[in-house]
Amino acid sequence: MFPEVKEFAFDTPAWNLRTNSFYSKLGYKEIKRDKEFVFYSKNRTLE
């Protein structure tokens, strides 16, 4: 799915601890945090 995409980036509410833990376990890295949101990014390794 989406073979041309090199990076996935998104945000999720900072108060939602379950989703933040879930995305970290999937290998997403926290790139920024503010009062309301945590921003994540993950580079895709192309084969």
N, C-alpha and C. Protein backbone atom coordinates (compact mmCIF):
# COMPACT_ATOMS: atom_id res chain seq x y z
N MET A 1 0.84 -1.17 0.00
CA MET A 1 0.00 0.00 0.00
C MET A 1 0.89 1.24 0.00
N PHE A 2 0.65 2.18 -0.86
CA PHE A 2 1.39 3.44 -0.97
C PHE A 2 2.89 3.21 -1.15
N PRO A 3 3.31 2.51 -2.20
CA PRO A 3 4.74 2.19 -2.36
C PRO A 3 5.64 3.40 -2.56
N GLU A 4 5.09 4.53 -3.00
CA GLU A 4 5.92 5.72 -3.25
C GLU A 4 6.18 6.55 -1.99
N VAL A 5 5.50 6.25 -0.92
CA VAL A 5 5.64 7.02 0.32
C VAL A 5 6.93 6.64 1.03
N LYS A 6 7.72 7.67 1.40
CA LYS A 6 8.99 7.44 2.09
C LYS A 6 8.91 7.71 3.58
N GLU A 7 7.92 8.50 3.99
CA GLU A 7 7.78 8.84 5.39
C GLU A 7 6.31 8.99 5.75
N PHE A 8 5.95 8.44 6.91
CA PHE A 8 4.61 8.61 7.45
C PHE A 8 4.70 9.55 8.64
N ALA A 9 3.86 10.57 8.68
CA ALA A 9 3.87 11.53 9.79
C ALA A 9 2.43 11.88 10.15
N PHE A 10 2.18 12.03 11.44
CA PHE A 10 0.84 12.34 11.92
C PHE A 10 0.92 12.85 13.34
N ASP A 11 -0.22 13.27 13.88
CA ASP A 11 -0.27 13.67 15.28
C ASP A 11 -1.42 12.96 15.96
N THR A 12 -1.35 12.91 17.27
CA THR A 12 -2.38 12.28 18.09
C THR A 12 -2.50 13.08 19.38
N PRO A 13 -3.65 13.07 20.03
CA PRO A 13 -3.80 13.86 21.26
C PRO A 13 -2.82 13.43 22.35
N ALA A 14 -2.23 14.38 23.02
CA ALA A 14 -1.25 14.09 24.07
C ALA A 14 -1.90 13.37 25.26
N TRP A 15 -3.17 13.65 25.52
CA TRP A 15 -3.85 13.04 26.67
C TRP A 15 -4.12 11.56 26.47
N ASN A 16 -4.10 11.07 25.23
CA ASN A 16 -4.45 9.68 24.95
C ASN A 16 -3.21 8.78 25.09
N LEU A 17 -2.97 8.29 26.27
CA LEU A 17 -1.77 7.50 26.55
C LEU A 17 -1.75 6.17 25.79
N ARG A 18 -2.90 5.60 25.55
CA ARG A 18 -2.95 4.30 24.85
C ARG A 18 -2.46 4.42 23.42
N THR A 19 -2.90 5.43 22.69
CA THR A 19 -2.45 5.54 21.30
C THR A 19 -0.97 5.93 21.24
N ASN A 20 -0.52 6.77 22.17
CA ASN A 20 0.89 7.14 22.17
C ASN A 20 1.77 5.93 22.42
N SER A 21 1.40 5.08 23.33
CA SER A 21 2.15 3.85 23.59
C SER A 21 2.11 2.92 22.38
N PHE A 22 0.95 2.80 21.77
CA PHE A 22 0.77 1.94 20.60
C PHE A 22 1.67 2.36 19.44
N TYR A 23 1.69 3.65 19.11
CA TYR A 23 2.51 4.12 18.00
C TYR A 23 3.99 3.96 18.29
N SER A 24 4.40 4.15 19.52
CA SER A 24 5.81 3.94 19.89
C SER A 24 6.20 2.48 19.70
N LYS A 25 5.33 1.57 20.08
CA LYS A 25 5.61 0.14 19.91
C LYS A 25 5.70 -0.25 18.44
N LEU A 26 5.02 0.49 17.57
CA LEU A 26 5.07 0.21 16.13
C LEU A 26 6.30 0.82 15.46
N GLY A 27 7.12 1.53 16.22
CA GLY A 27 8.36 2.07 15.68
C GLY A 27 8.30 3.53 15.27
N TYR A 28 7.19 4.19 15.53
CA TYR A 28 7.10 5.62 15.23
C TYR A 28 7.89 6.40 16.27
N LYS A 29 8.59 7.43 15.84
CA LYS A 29 9.39 8.26 16.73
C LYS A 29 8.68 9.57 17.00
N GLU A 30 8.69 9.97 18.24
CA GLU A 30 8.11 11.27 18.61
C GLU A 30 9.04 12.36 18.12
N ILE A 31 8.52 13.27 17.28
CA ILE A 31 9.36 14.33 16.74
C ILE A 31 9.06 15.69 17.35
N LYS A 32 7.89 15.81 17.98
CA LYS A 32 7.50 17.09 18.58
C LYS A 32 6.35 16.85 19.54
N ARG A 33 6.26 17.71 20.54
CA ARG A 33 5.15 17.63 21.50
C ARG A 33 4.78 19.05 21.90
N ASP A 34 3.49 19.31 21.96
CA ASP A 34 3.03 20.59 22.50
C ASP A 34 1.96 20.29 23.54
N LYS A 35 1.22 21.29 23.97
CA LYS A 35 0.22 21.09 25.03
C LYS A 35 -0.86 20.08 24.65
N GLU A 36 -1.23 20.05 23.38
CA GLU A 36 -2.37 19.25 22.97
C GLU A 36 -2.05 18.02 22.14
N PHE A 37 -0.91 18.02 21.42
CA PHE A 37 -0.64 16.94 20.49
C PHE A 37 0.78 16.41 20.60
N VAL A 38 0.92 15.15 20.21
CA VAL A 38 2.23 14.53 20.05
C VAL A 38 2.36 14.21 18.57
N PHE A 39 3.47 14.60 17.96
CA PHE A 39 3.70 14.41 16.54
C PHE A 39 4.67 13.26 16.34
N TYR A 40 4.32 12.35 15.45
CA TYR A 40 5.12 11.16 15.19
C TYR A 40 5.54 11.10 13.73
N SER A 41 6.63 10.37 13.51
CA SER A 41 7.14 10.17 12.16
C SER A 41 7.81 8.81 12.10
N LYS A 42 7.74 8.19 10.92
CA LYS A 42 8.43 6.91 10.70
C LYS A 42 8.87 6.87 9.25
N ASN A 43 10.17 6.64 9.05
CA ASN A 43 10.69 6.50 7.69
C ASN A 43 10.46 5.08 7.22
N ARG A 44 10.11 4.97 5.97
CA ARG A 44 9.86 3.66 5.39
C ARG A 44 11.14 3.17 4.73
N THR A 45 11.51 1.95 5.02
CA THR A 45 12.67 1.36 4.36
C THR A 45 12.17 0.64 3.11
N LEU A 46 12.65 1.09 1.98
CA LEU A 46 12.23 0.50 0.71
C LEU A 46 13.14 -0.66 0.36
N GLU A 47 12.55 -1.72 -0.13
CA GLU A 47 13.31 -2.91 -0.49
C GLU A 47 13.76 -2.85 -1.93
